[in-house]
Amino acid sequence: MGKRSVKENKNIYQQSREAAGLSREAAESIMTFVSADRIERIESGRSAPHPDEVMQMEQGYKSPELSNYYCTHECPIGMKYVEQAELKELPQLTVELLSALHAMEEERDRLIDISVDGRVNSTERKQFNIILNKLTVLDRAIRGMRIWIEDAINTGKLDQEK
């Protein structure tokens, strides 16, 4: 087994591997093509991970937030279009999701009125931007819930009886 890291500013990839209880060598053995040396370079910040490597780490470490992190912090396209989500507790995620859904329900009729002619005119633009912001909040809430569900599947939270 490898030695334990004492590095203070660990990136999310190292934190996730260590949370899974894996050495770099053990992580290498459960991934298809990511070597221990490559893992070390990613964790030290000397190399940026590739999307397929992040997917391997996400699966191997059972850490569903890794892909969202990669998309929102390292991928130029994702940084523009993907909302950052976090692994939170289910009650908080549920309230956030229901609140975002409620906010969109309030905008539903206005969205229909704006969209009926297929154009957004200058008088509708301000309201359309408000709707876009509420959609962004909803997107973040949905992504957070998806991460929680994937984590719950990985950790067996869904199988526990009360």
N, C-alpha and C. Protein backbone atom coordinates (compact mmCIF):
# COMPACT_ATOMS: atom_id res chain seq x y z
N MET A 1 0.84 -1.19 0.00
CA MET A 1 0.00 0.00 0.00
C MET A 1 0.88 1.24 0.00
N GLY A 2 0.45 2.30 -0.71
CA GLY A 2 1.22 3.52 -0.81
C GLY A 2 1.19 4.31 0.49
N LYS A 3 2.07 5.30 0.57
CA LYS A 3 2.10 6.12 1.78
C LYS A 3 0.98 7.15 1.76
N ARG A 4 0.57 7.57 2.92
CA ARG A 4 -0.54 8.51 3.08
C ARG A 4 -0.06 9.92 2.78
N SER A 5 -0.85 10.67 2.01
CA SER A 5 -0.50 12.03 1.64
C SER A 5 -0.71 12.99 2.81
N VAL A 6 0.22 13.91 2.98
CA VAL A 6 0.07 14.95 3.98
C VAL A 6 -0.10 16.32 3.31
N LYS A 7 -0.24 16.32 2.01
CA LYS A 7 -0.43 17.55 1.25
C LYS A 7 -1.68 18.27 1.76
N GLU A 8 -1.60 19.59 1.92
CA GLU A 8 -2.72 20.34 2.48
C GLU A 8 -3.78 20.70 1.44
N ASN A 9 -3.39 21.24 0.33
CA ASN A 9 -4.34 21.71 -0.68
C ASN A 9 -4.59 20.64 -1.74
N LYS A 10 -5.30 19.63 -1.35
CA LYS A 10 -5.58 18.53 -2.26
C LYS A 10 -6.71 18.92 -3.21
N ASN A 11 -6.56 18.55 -4.48
CA ASN A 11 -7.64 18.84 -5.41
C ASN A 11 -8.74 17.80 -5.26
N ILE A 12 -9.84 18.03 -5.94
CA ILE A 12 -11.01 17.17 -5.79
C ILE A 12 -10.73 15.73 -6.23
N TYR A 13 -9.83 15.55 -7.16
CA TYR A 13 -9.51 14.20 -7.64
C TYR A 13 -8.80 13.40 -6.54
N GLN A 14 -7.86 14.03 -5.87
CA GLN A 14 -7.17 13.35 -4.77
C GLN A 14 -8.11 13.14 -3.59
N GLN A 15 -8.90 14.16 -3.26
CA GLN A 15 -9.86 14.02 -2.16
C GLN A 15 -10.82 12.86 -2.41
N SER A 16 -11.30 12.74 -3.64
CA SER A 16 -12.25 11.67 -3.98
C SER A 16 -11.60 10.30 -3.90
N ARG A 17 -10.37 10.20 -4.40
CA ARG A 17 -9.66 8.92 -4.33
C ARG A 17 -9.44 8.51 -2.88
N GLU A 18 -8.98 9.46 -2.07
CA GLU A 18 -8.72 9.14 -0.67
C GLU A 18 -10.02 8.84 0.08
N ALA A 19 -11.10 9.54 -0.24
CA ALA A 19 -12.39 9.25 0.40
C ALA A 19 -12.86 7.84 0.07
N ALA A 20 -12.47 7.36 -1.11
CA ALA A 20 -12.81 5.99 -1.50
C ALA A 20 -11.88 4.97 -0.84
N GLY A 21 -10.87 5.46 -0.12
CA GLY A 21 -9.94 4.57 0.58
C GLY A 21 -8.95 3.89 -0.35
N LEU A 22 -8.61 4.57 -1.45
CA LEU A 22 -7.73 3.95 -2.45
C LEU A 22 -6.38 4.63 -2.51
N SER A 23 -5.33 3.84 -2.62
CA SER A 23 -4.02 4.37 -2.98
C SER A 23 -4.05 4.61 -4.48
N ARG A 24 -3.05 5.28 -4.99
CA ARG A 24 -2.99 5.48 -6.45
C ARG A 24 -2.87 4.14 -7.16
N GLU A 25 -2.12 3.23 -6.59
CA GLU A 25 -1.94 1.92 -7.20
C GLU A 25 -3.25 1.13 -7.21
N ALA A 26 -4.00 1.22 -6.12
CA ALA A 26 -5.29 0.53 -6.06
C ALA A 26 -6.27 1.17 -7.04
N ALA A 27 -6.22 2.50 -7.16
CA ALA A 27 -7.09 3.19 -8.12
C ALA A 27 -6.76 2.76 -9.55
N GLU A 28 -5.46 2.65 -9.84
CA GLU A 28 -5.04 2.20 -11.16
C GLU A 28 -5.62 0.82 -11.48
N SER A 29 -5.64 -0.05 -10.49
CA SER A 29 -6.08 -1.43 -10.73
C SER A 29 -7.58 -1.54 -11.01
N ILE A 30 -8.37 -0.56 -10.57
CA ILE A 30 -9.81 -0.63 -10.84
C ILE A 30 -10.23 0.20 -12.05
N MET A 31 -9.29 0.95 -12.61
CA MET A 31 -9.60 1.74 -13.81
C MET A 31 -9.01 1.06 -15.03
N THR A 32 -9.64 1.30 -16.16
CA THR A 32 -9.24 0.62 -17.39
C THR A 32 -7.91 1.12 -17.94
N PHE A 33 -7.68 2.43 -17.92
CA PHE A 33 -6.51 2.94 -18.62
C PHE A 33 -5.82 4.12 -17.93
N VAL A 34 -6.10 4.40 -16.69
CA VAL A 34 -5.46 5.52 -16.00
C VAL A 34 -4.40 4.95 -15.05
N SER A 35 -3.15 5.28 -15.32
CA SER A 35 -2.05 4.72 -14.52
C SER A 35 -1.87 5.51 -13.22
N ALA A 36 -1.17 4.88 -12.28
CA ALA A 36 -0.88 5.54 -11.01
C ALA A 36 -0.05 6.80 -11.24
N ASP A 37 0.87 6.76 -12.19
CA ASP A 37 1.68 7.94 -12.51
C ASP A 37 0.80 9.07 -13.06
N ARG A 38 -0.14 8.71 -13.91
CA ARG A 38 -1.05 9.71 -14.48
C ARG A 38 -1.94 10.29 -13.38
N ILE A 39 -2.41 9.45 -12.48
CA ILE A 39 -3.22 9.92 -11.35
C ILE A 39 -2.42 10.92 -10.53
N GLU A 40 -1.15 10.62 -10.27
CA GLU A 40 -0.29 11.52 -9.48
C GLU A 40 -0.14 12.86 -10.19
N ARG A 41 0.04 12.86 -11.50
CA ARG A 41 0.20 14.11 -12.25
C ARG A 41 -1.09 14.94 -12.20
N ILE A 42 -2.24 14.28 -12.27
CA ILE A 42 -3.52 14.99 -12.20
C ILE A 42 -3.70 15.57 -10.80
N GLU A 43 -3.43 14.76 -9.79
CA GLU A 43 -3.62 15.21 -8.41
C GLU A 43 -2.65 16.31 -8.00
N SER A 44 -1.47 16.31 -8.58
CA SER A 44 -0.49 17.35 -8.25
C SER A 44 -0.71 18.62 -9.06
N GLY A 45 -1.60 18.55 -10.06
CA GLY A 45 -1.87 19.72 -10.89
C GLY A 45 -0.89 19.91 -12.03
N ARG A 46 0.01 18.95 -12.21
CA ARG A 46 0.98 19.05 -13.31
C ARG A 46 0.33 18.74 -14.65
N SER A 47 -0.77 18.00 -14.64
CA SER A 47 -1.51 17.66 -15.86
C SER A 47 -2.99 17.84 -15.60
N ALA A 48 -3.68 18.31 -16.60
CA ALA A 48 -5.14 18.40 -16.50
C ALA A 48 -5.73 17.06 -16.93
N PRO A 49 -6.78 16.62 -16.27
CA PRO A 49 -7.39 15.35 -16.66
C PRO A 49 -8.16 15.48 -17.96
N HIS A 50 -8.26 14.39 -18.66
CA HIS A 50 -9.09 14.31 -19.86
C HIS A 50 -10.48 13.84 -19.43
N PRO A 51 -11.51 14.19 -20.21
CA PRO A 51 -12.87 13.78 -19.83
C PRO A 51 -13.02 12.28 -19.57
N ASP A 52 -12.40 11.46 -20.41
CA ASP A 52 -12.53 10.01 -20.21
C ASP A 52 -11.84 9.55 -18.92
N GLU A 53 -10.79 10.24 -18.52
CA GLU A 53 -10.13 9.91 -17.26
C GLU A 53 -11.02 10.29 -16.07
N VAL A 54 -11.67 11.43 -16.18
CA VAL A 54 -12.58 11.86 -15.11
C VAL A 54 -13.73 10.87 -14.98
N MET A 55 -14.24 10.40 -16.10
CA MET A 55 -15.31 9.40 -16.06
C MET A 55 -14.82 8.12 -15.38
N GLN A 56 -13.60 7.71 -15.66
CA GLN A 56 -13.03 6.53 -15.01
C GLN A 56 -12.89 6.75 -13.51
N MET A 57 -12.41 7.93 -13.13
CA MET A 57 -12.27 8.24 -11.70
C MET A 57 -13.63 8.29 -11.02
N GLU A 58 -14.58 8.92 -11.67
CA GLU A 58 -15.93 8.99 -11.10
C GLU A 58 -16.48 7.60 -10.81
N GLN A 59 -16.33 6.73 -11.77
CA GLN A 59 -16.83 5.36 -11.61
C GLN A 59 -16.00 4.58 -10.57
N GLY A 60 -14.69 4.66 -10.68
CA GLY A 60 -13.83 3.91 -9.78
C GLY A 60 -13.90 4.38 -8.34
N TYR A 61 -14.03 5.68 -8.14
CA TYR A 61 -14.07 6.24 -6.79
C TYR A 61 -15.51 6.32 -6.27
N LYS A 62 -16.47 6.03 -7.14
CA LYS A 62 -17.90 6.16 -6.79
C LYS A 62 -18.17 7.58 -6.29
N SER A 63 -17.73 8.53 -7.12
CA SER A 63 -17.80 9.94 -6.76
C SER A 63 -18.50 10.71 -7.89
N PRO A 64 -19.84 10.74 -7.90
CA PRO A 64 -20.57 11.31 -9.03
C PRO A 64 -20.37 12.81 -9.23
N GLU A 65 -19.85 13.50 -8.25
CA GLU A 65 -19.66 14.93 -8.42
C GLU A 65 -18.43 15.29 -9.26
N LEU A 66 -17.56 14.31 -9.54
CA LEU A 66 -16.34 14.60 -10.30
C LEU A 66 -16.62 15.13 -11.70
N SER A 67 -17.57 14.53 -12.40
CA SER A 67 -17.86 14.99 -13.77
C SER A 67 -18.42 16.40 -13.76
N ASN A 68 -19.32 16.69 -12.81
CA ASN A 68 -19.86 18.04 -12.73
C ASN A 68 -18.75 19.03 -12.42
N TYR A 69 -17.86 18.67 -11.51
CA TYR A 69 -16.73 19.54 -11.19
C TYR A 69 -15.88 19.80 -12.43
N TYR A 70 -15.55 18.73 -13.14
CA TYR A 70 -14.72 18.87 -14.34
C TYR A 70 -15.39 19.80 -15.34
N CYS A 71 -16.67 19.56 -15.59
CA CYS A 71 -17.38 20.37 -16.59
C CYS A 71 -17.47 21.83 -16.19
N THR A 72 -17.65 22.11 -14.91
CA THR A 72 -17.84 23.49 -14.48
C THR A 72 -16.54 24.24 -14.16
N HIS A 73 -15.43 23.51 -14.06
CA HIS A 73 -14.17 24.16 -13.71
C HIS A 73 -13.04 24.00 -14.73
N GLU A 74 -13.13 22.99 -15.58
CA GLU A 74 -11.99 22.71 -16.45
C GLU A 74 -12.33 22.64 -17.93
N CYS A 75 -13.57 22.40 -18.26
CA CYS A 75 -13.98 22.28 -19.66
C CYS A 75 -14.54 23.62 -20.13
N PRO A 76 -13.97 24.23 -21.17
CA PRO A 76 -14.46 25.54 -21.61
C PRO A 76 -15.95 25.53 -22.02
N ILE A 77 -16.40 24.48 -22.63
CA ILE A 77 -17.81 24.40 -23.01
C ILE A 77 -18.68 24.24 -21.78
N GLY A 78 -18.29 23.33 -20.90
CA GLY A 78 -19.05 23.12 -19.67
C GLY A 78 -19.08 24.36 -18.80
N MET A 79 -17.97 25.10 -18.75
CA MET A 79 -17.93 26.31 -17.95
C MET A 79 -18.96 27.33 -18.43
N LYS A 80 -19.30 27.26 -19.69
CA LYS A 80 -20.30 28.18 -20.23
C LYS A 80 -21.73 27.67 -20.04
N TYR A 81 -21.93 26.36 -20.15
CA TYR A 81 -23.28 25.83 -20.22
C TYR A 81 -23.73 24.94 -19.05
N VAL A 82 -22.82 24.49 -18.22
CA VAL A 82 -23.18 23.54 -17.17
C VAL A 82 -23.15 24.26 -15.82
N GLU A 83 -24.20 24.07 -15.05
CA GLU A 83 -24.29 24.65 -13.72
C GLU A 83 -23.57 23.77 -12.72
N GLN A 84 -22.81 24.39 -11.82
CA GLN A 84 -22.13 23.63 -10.78
C GLN A 84 -23.15 23.14 -9.77
N ALA A 85 -23.05 21.88 -9.45
CA ALA A 85 -23.91 21.27 -8.44
C ALA A 85 -23.04 20.67 -7.37
N GLU A 86 -23.60 20.52 -6.19
CA GLU A 86 -22.85 19.97 -5.07
C GLU A 86 -23.60 18.78 -4.49
N LEU A 87 -22.84 17.92 -3.85
CA LEU A 87 -23.42 16.81 -3.12
C LEU A 87 -23.88 17.36 -1.77
N LYS A 88 -25.20 17.49 -1.61
CA LYS A 88 -25.79 18.01 -0.38
C LYS A 88 -26.68 16.93 0.21
N GLU A 89 -27.28 17.24 1.34
CA GLU A 89 -28.20 16.32 1.98
C GLU A 89 -29.54 16.34 1.25
N LEU A 90 -30.23 15.22 1.25
CA LEU A 90 -31.49 15.08 0.53
C LEU A 90 -32.54 16.12 0.91
N PRO A 91 -32.78 16.40 2.20
CA PRO A 91 -33.81 17.41 2.51
C PRO A 91 -33.52 18.78 1.88
N GLN A 92 -32.27 19.21 1.93
CA GLN A 92 -31.90 20.51 1.35
C GLN A 92 -32.10 20.48 -0.17
N LEU A 93 -31.67 19.39 -0.81
CA LEU A 93 -31.85 19.27 -2.26
C LEU A 93 -33.32 19.27 -2.64
N THR A 94 -34.13 18.59 -1.86
CA THR A 94 -35.56 18.50 -2.15
C THR A 94 -36.20 19.88 -2.07
N VAL A 95 -35.88 20.62 -1.03
CA VAL A 95 -36.44 21.98 -0.89
C VAL A 95 -35.98 22.88 -2.04
N GLU A 96 -34.71 22.81 -2.38
CA GLU A 96 -34.19 23.62 -3.48
C GLU A 96 -34.88 23.26 -4.80
N LEU A 97 -35.07 21.98 -5.05
CA LEU A 97 -35.72 21.54 -6.29
C LEU A 97 -37.18 21.99 -6.33
N LEU A 98 -37.90 21.77 -5.24
CA LEU A 98 -39.31 22.18 -5.21
C LEU A 98 -39.46 23.69 -5.32
N SER A 99 -38.58 24.44 -4.70
CA SER A 99 -38.61 25.89 -4.80
C SER A 99 -38.37 26.35 -6.24
N ALA A 100 -37.40 25.73 -6.90
CA ALA A 100 -37.10 26.08 -8.29
C ALA A 100 -38.26 25.70 -9.21
N LEU A 101 -38.88 24.57 -8.95
CA LEU A 101 -40.05 24.17 -9.74
C LEU A 101 -41.20 25.14 -9.53
N HIS A 102 -41.41 25.55 -8.30
CA HIS A 102 -42.47 26.51 -7.99
C HIS A 102 -42.23 27.84 -8.71
N ALA A 103 -40.98 28.29 -8.69
CA ALA A 103 -40.63 29.55 -9.38
C ALA A 103 -40.93 29.45 -10.87
N MET A 104 -40.65 28.30 -11.46
CA MET A 104 -40.93 28.12 -12.89
C MET A 104 -42.43 28.04 -13.15
N GLU A 105 -43.16 27.44 -12.23
CA GLU A 105 -44.61 27.37 -12.37
C GLU A 105 -45.20 28.78 -12.44
N GLU A 106 -44.65 29.67 -11.63
CA GLU A 106 -45.11 31.05 -11.64
C GLU A 106 -44.83 31.73 -12.98
N GLU A 107 -43.81 31.30 -13.68
CA GLU A 107 -43.43 31.92 -14.96
C GLU A 107 -44.01 31.19 -16.17
N ARG A 108 -44.67 30.08 -15.95
CA ARG A 108 -45.16 29.25 -17.06
C ARG A 108 -46.01 30.03 -18.06
N ASP A 109 -47.03 30.73 -17.59
CA ASP A 109 -47.91 31.45 -18.50
C ASP A 109 -47.18 32.55 -19.25
N ARG A 110 -46.29 33.24 -18.55
CA ARG A 110 -45.51 34.30 -19.20
C ARG A 110 -44.60 33.70 -20.28
N LEU A 111 -44.01 32.57 -20.02
CA LEU A 111 -43.16 31.90 -21.00
C LEU A 111 -43.97 31.51 -22.24
N ILE A 112 -45.17 31.04 -22.02
CA ILE A 112 -46.05 30.69 -23.15
C ILE A 112 -46.36 31.94 -23.96
N ASP A 113 -46.72 33.03 -23.29
CA ASP A 113 -47.04 34.28 -23.99
C ASP A 113 -45.85 34.79 -24.80
N ILE A 114 -44.66 34.72 -24.21
CA ILE A 114 -43.46 35.19 -24.92
C ILE A 114 -43.15 34.30 -26.11
N SER A 115 -43.34 33.00 -25.96
CA SER A 115 -42.91 32.03 -26.97
C SER A 115 -43.89 31.82 -28.11
N VAL A 116 -45.12 32.23 -27.96
CA VAL A 116 -46.15 31.89 -28.92
C VAL A 116 -45.82 32.35 -30.34
N ASP A 117 -45.16 33.48 -30.49
CA ASP A 117 -44.84 33.96 -31.84
C ASP A 117 -43.43 33.57 -32.29
N GLY A 118 -42.71 32.83 -31.42
CA GLY A 118 -41.38 32.35 -31.80
C GLY A 118 -40.29 33.39 -31.71
N ARG A 119 -40.61 34.57 -31.17
CA ARG A 119 -39.62 35.64 -31.05
C ARG A 119 -39.70 36.27 -29.66
N VAL A 120 -38.60 36.86 -29.27
CA VAL A 120 -38.58 37.62 -28.02
C VAL A 120 -38.36 39.08 -28.40
N ASN A 121 -39.41 39.88 -28.26
CA ASN A 121 -39.27 41.29 -28.65
C ASN A 121 -38.66 42.10 -27.51
N SER A 122 -38.41 43.35 -27.77
CA SER A 122 -37.69 44.18 -26.80
C SER A 122 -38.47 44.34 -25.50
N THR A 123 -39.77 44.35 -25.52
CA THR A 123 -40.54 44.48 -24.29
C THR A 123 -40.57 43.16 -23.50
N GLU A 124 -40.35 42.05 -24.17
CA GLU A 124 -40.35 40.74 -23.51
C GLU A 124 -38.97 40.32 -23.00
N ARG A 125 -37.94 41.00 -23.46
CA ARG A 125 -36.57 40.59 -23.16
C ARG A 125 -36.26 40.56 -21.66
N LYS A 126 -36.69 41.57 -20.92
CA LYS A 126 -36.40 41.60 -19.48
C LYS A 126 -37.06 40.41 -18.79
N GLN A 127 -38.32 40.15 -19.09
CA GLN A 127 -39.01 39.02 -18.49
C GLN A 127 -38.37 37.70 -18.91
N PHE A 128 -37.94 37.62 -20.16
CA PHE A 128 -37.30 36.41 -20.65
C PHE A 128 -35.99 36.15 -19.90
N ASN A 129 -35.25 37.20 -19.58
CA ASN A 129 -34.01 37.03 -18.81
C ASN A 129 -34.31 36.54 -17.39
N ILE A 130 -35.40 37.00 -16.81
CA ILE A 130 -35.81 36.51 -15.49
C ILE A 130 -36.12 35.01 -15.58
N ILE A 131 -36.84 34.62 -16.63
CA ILE A 131 -37.16 33.21 -16.82
C ILE A 131 -35.89 32.40 -17.02
N LEU A 132 -34.96 32.91 -17.80
CA LEU A 132 -33.69 32.22 -18.02
C LEU A 132 -32.95 32.02 -16.70
N ASN A 133 -32.93 33.03 -15.85
CA ASN A 133 -32.27 32.89 -14.54
C ASN A 133 -32.95 31.83 -13.70
N LYS A 134 -34.26 31.76 -13.73
CA LYS A 134 -34.99 30.75 -12.95
C LYS A 134 -34.75 29.35 -13.52
N LEU A 135 -34.60 29.26 -14.84
CA LEU A 135 -34.25 27.97 -15.45
C LEU A 135 -32.86 27.52 -15.01
N THR A 136 -31.95 28.45 -14.87
CA THR A 136 -30.60 28.15 -14.42
C THR A 136 -30.62 27.59 -13.00
N VAL A 137 -31.43 28.19 -12.13
CA VAL A 137 -31.57 27.70 -10.75
C VAL A 137 -32.17 26.30 -10.76
N LEU A 138 -33.17 26.08 -11.61
CA LEU A 138 -33.79 24.76 -11.73
C LEU A 138 -32.78 23.73 -12.22
N ASP A 139 -31.99 24.10 -13.21
CA ASP A 139 -30.96 23.21 -13.74
C ASP A 139 -29.98 22.80 -12.64
N ARG A 140 -29.54 23.75 -11.84
CA ARG A 140 -28.61 23.46 -10.75
C ARG A 140 -29.26 22.51 -9.74
N ALA A 141 -30.52 22.74 -9.42
CA ALA A 141 -31.23 21.88 -8.46
C ALA A 141 -31.37 20.45 -9.01
N ILE A 142 -31.66 20.33 -10.27
CA ILE A 142 -31.79 19.00 -10.89
C ILE A 142 -30.45 18.29 -10.89
N ARG A 143 -29.40 18.99 -11.24
CA ARG A 143 -28.06 18.38 -11.24
C ARG A 143 -27.66 17.94 -9.84
N GLY A 144 -27.97 18.75 -8.83
CA GLY A 144 -27.67 18.38 -7.45
C GLY A 144 -28.41 17.12 -7.04
N MET A 145 -29.67 17.02 -7.43
CA MET A 145 -30.46 15.84 -7.09
C MET A 145 -29.91 14.61 -7.81
N ARG A 146 -29.51 14.75 -9.05
CA ARG A 146 -28.93 13.62 -9.79
C ARG A 146 -27.65 13.13 -9.12
N ILE A 147 -26.80 14.06 -8.68
CA ILE A 147 -25.57 13.68 -8.00
C ILE A 147 -25.90 12.93 -6.71
N TRP A 148 -26.90 13.43 -5.95
CA TRP A 148 -27.27 12.76 -4.71
C TRP A 148 -27.76 11.34 -4.99
N ILE A 149 -28.60 11.19 -6.01
CA ILE A 149 -29.15 9.87 -6.34
C ILE A 149 -28.03 8.91 -6.75
N GLU A 150 -27.11 9.38 -7.60
CA GLU A 150 -25.99 8.52 -8.01
C GLU A 150 -25.14 8.14 -6.80
N ASP A 151 -24.88 9.11 -5.91
CA ASP A 151 -24.11 8.81 -4.71
C ASP A 151 -24.87 7.83 -3.82
N ALA A 152 -26.18 8.00 -3.70
CA ALA A 152 -26.98 7.10 -2.87
C ALA A 152 -26.96 5.68 -3.42
N ILE A 153 -26.98 5.55 -4.73
CA ILE A 153 -26.89 4.23 -5.35
C ILE A 153 -25.51 3.62 -5.06
N ASN A 154 -24.46 4.44 -5.22
CA ASN A 154 -23.09 3.96 -5.00
C ASN A 154 -22.83 3.56 -3.56
N THR A 155 -23.42 4.28 -2.62
CA THR A 155 -23.12 4.03 -1.21
C THR A 155 -24.17 3.17 -0.52
N GLY A 156 -25.23 2.81 -1.23
CA GLY A 156 -26.26 1.96 -0.65
C GLY A 156 -27.29 2.70 0.18
N LYS A 157 -27.31 4.03 0.13
CA LYS A 157 -28.29 4.79 0.90
C LYS A 157 -29.72 4.47 0.51
N LEU A 158 -29.93 4.08 -0.74
CA LEU A 158 -31.28 3.79 -1.20
C LEU A 158 -31.79 2.46 -0.68
N ASP A 159 -30.86 1.62 -0.22
CA ASP A 159 -31.24 0.29 0.23
C ASP A 159 -31.52 0.21 1.73
N GLN A 160 -31.23 1.29 2.45
CA GLN A 160 -31.36 1.24 3.91
C GLN A 160 -32.81 1.38 4.34
N GLU A 161 -33.20 0.55 5.28
CA GLU A 161 -34.55 0.62 5.86
C GLU A 161 -34.51 1.55 7.05
N LYS A 162 -35.63 2.20 7.33
CA LYS A 162 -35.72 3.07 8.52
C LYS A 162 -36.06 2.26 9.72
